[in-house]
């Protein structure tokens, strides 16, 4: 009895280990295909680790009996073992799919057929999804009076996300998006840096990271200058107000009448003020 149960327990342990690998490494496939590139890469790595990737590519074929009409007991056992491994592979794949996608491949016979259907469907979907993702990236803008450092950091992260989704952004596209997204004064500053680096020679051409650093430093300087300017403006407004108050007060005193009022006879004011 122990000899019969041993392989089954071993297979169950392998299946559980594969499920843990899937859950820890593979993201759930998005229905619109936006993460197809990342999903495909991670699923392949997980199945390689589980020694089942050959079932999806077709390199691990089902053993064929020498005489299909009269297979031996060993051939039947080997065939059933392959079928079990293939079904486990299909089950691991289904765990990563949206329900509607899983239902569309549930009736396919092998893991290879399931994978081929997914590749055909989601390669097409991902093209549209990648175009949408890239357009969102190209349209990114720093809000008016927004944090330029935070905007540039979000731009970097978004570019990395696009690369992971199979929609890389070239340095030229990234540079163009950066210049369009930052405030005009910083865009002029960055353009001057780029022109200067080209004029001085290719050896000193600015890379993206260096350009980003210079833009952040200039944004900090602008913010500090604007802060000092506002303080000076408030100070300048206060001084004329105080001067006006002194002048008005002094003028009031200078106009006070010397002598007695013709109406009441008291000193210090005019009759019309009585």
Foldseek 3Di string as FASTA:
>chain_A
DCVVCVVVVVVVVLLVVLLVLLVVFAAAQDPLLQQVLLRVVRLCVSCVVSVRNCQQQVVDDQDDAPDNVDRDPVSVVSNVVVQVSFVSSLVSVLVRYDPVLNVVCVPPRGNNVSNVVCCVVSVVSNVVSLVVLVVVLLPAAADVVHQLLVSVVVSVVSQVSSVSSVNHDDQVSSLNSSLVRYDVVLSVVLVVVQVVQVVVHPVRHDGPVRSSVVSNVVVVVVVVVVVVVVVVVVVVVVVVVVVVVVVVVVVVQVPFDAAAEPPPRHGTHYVVVD
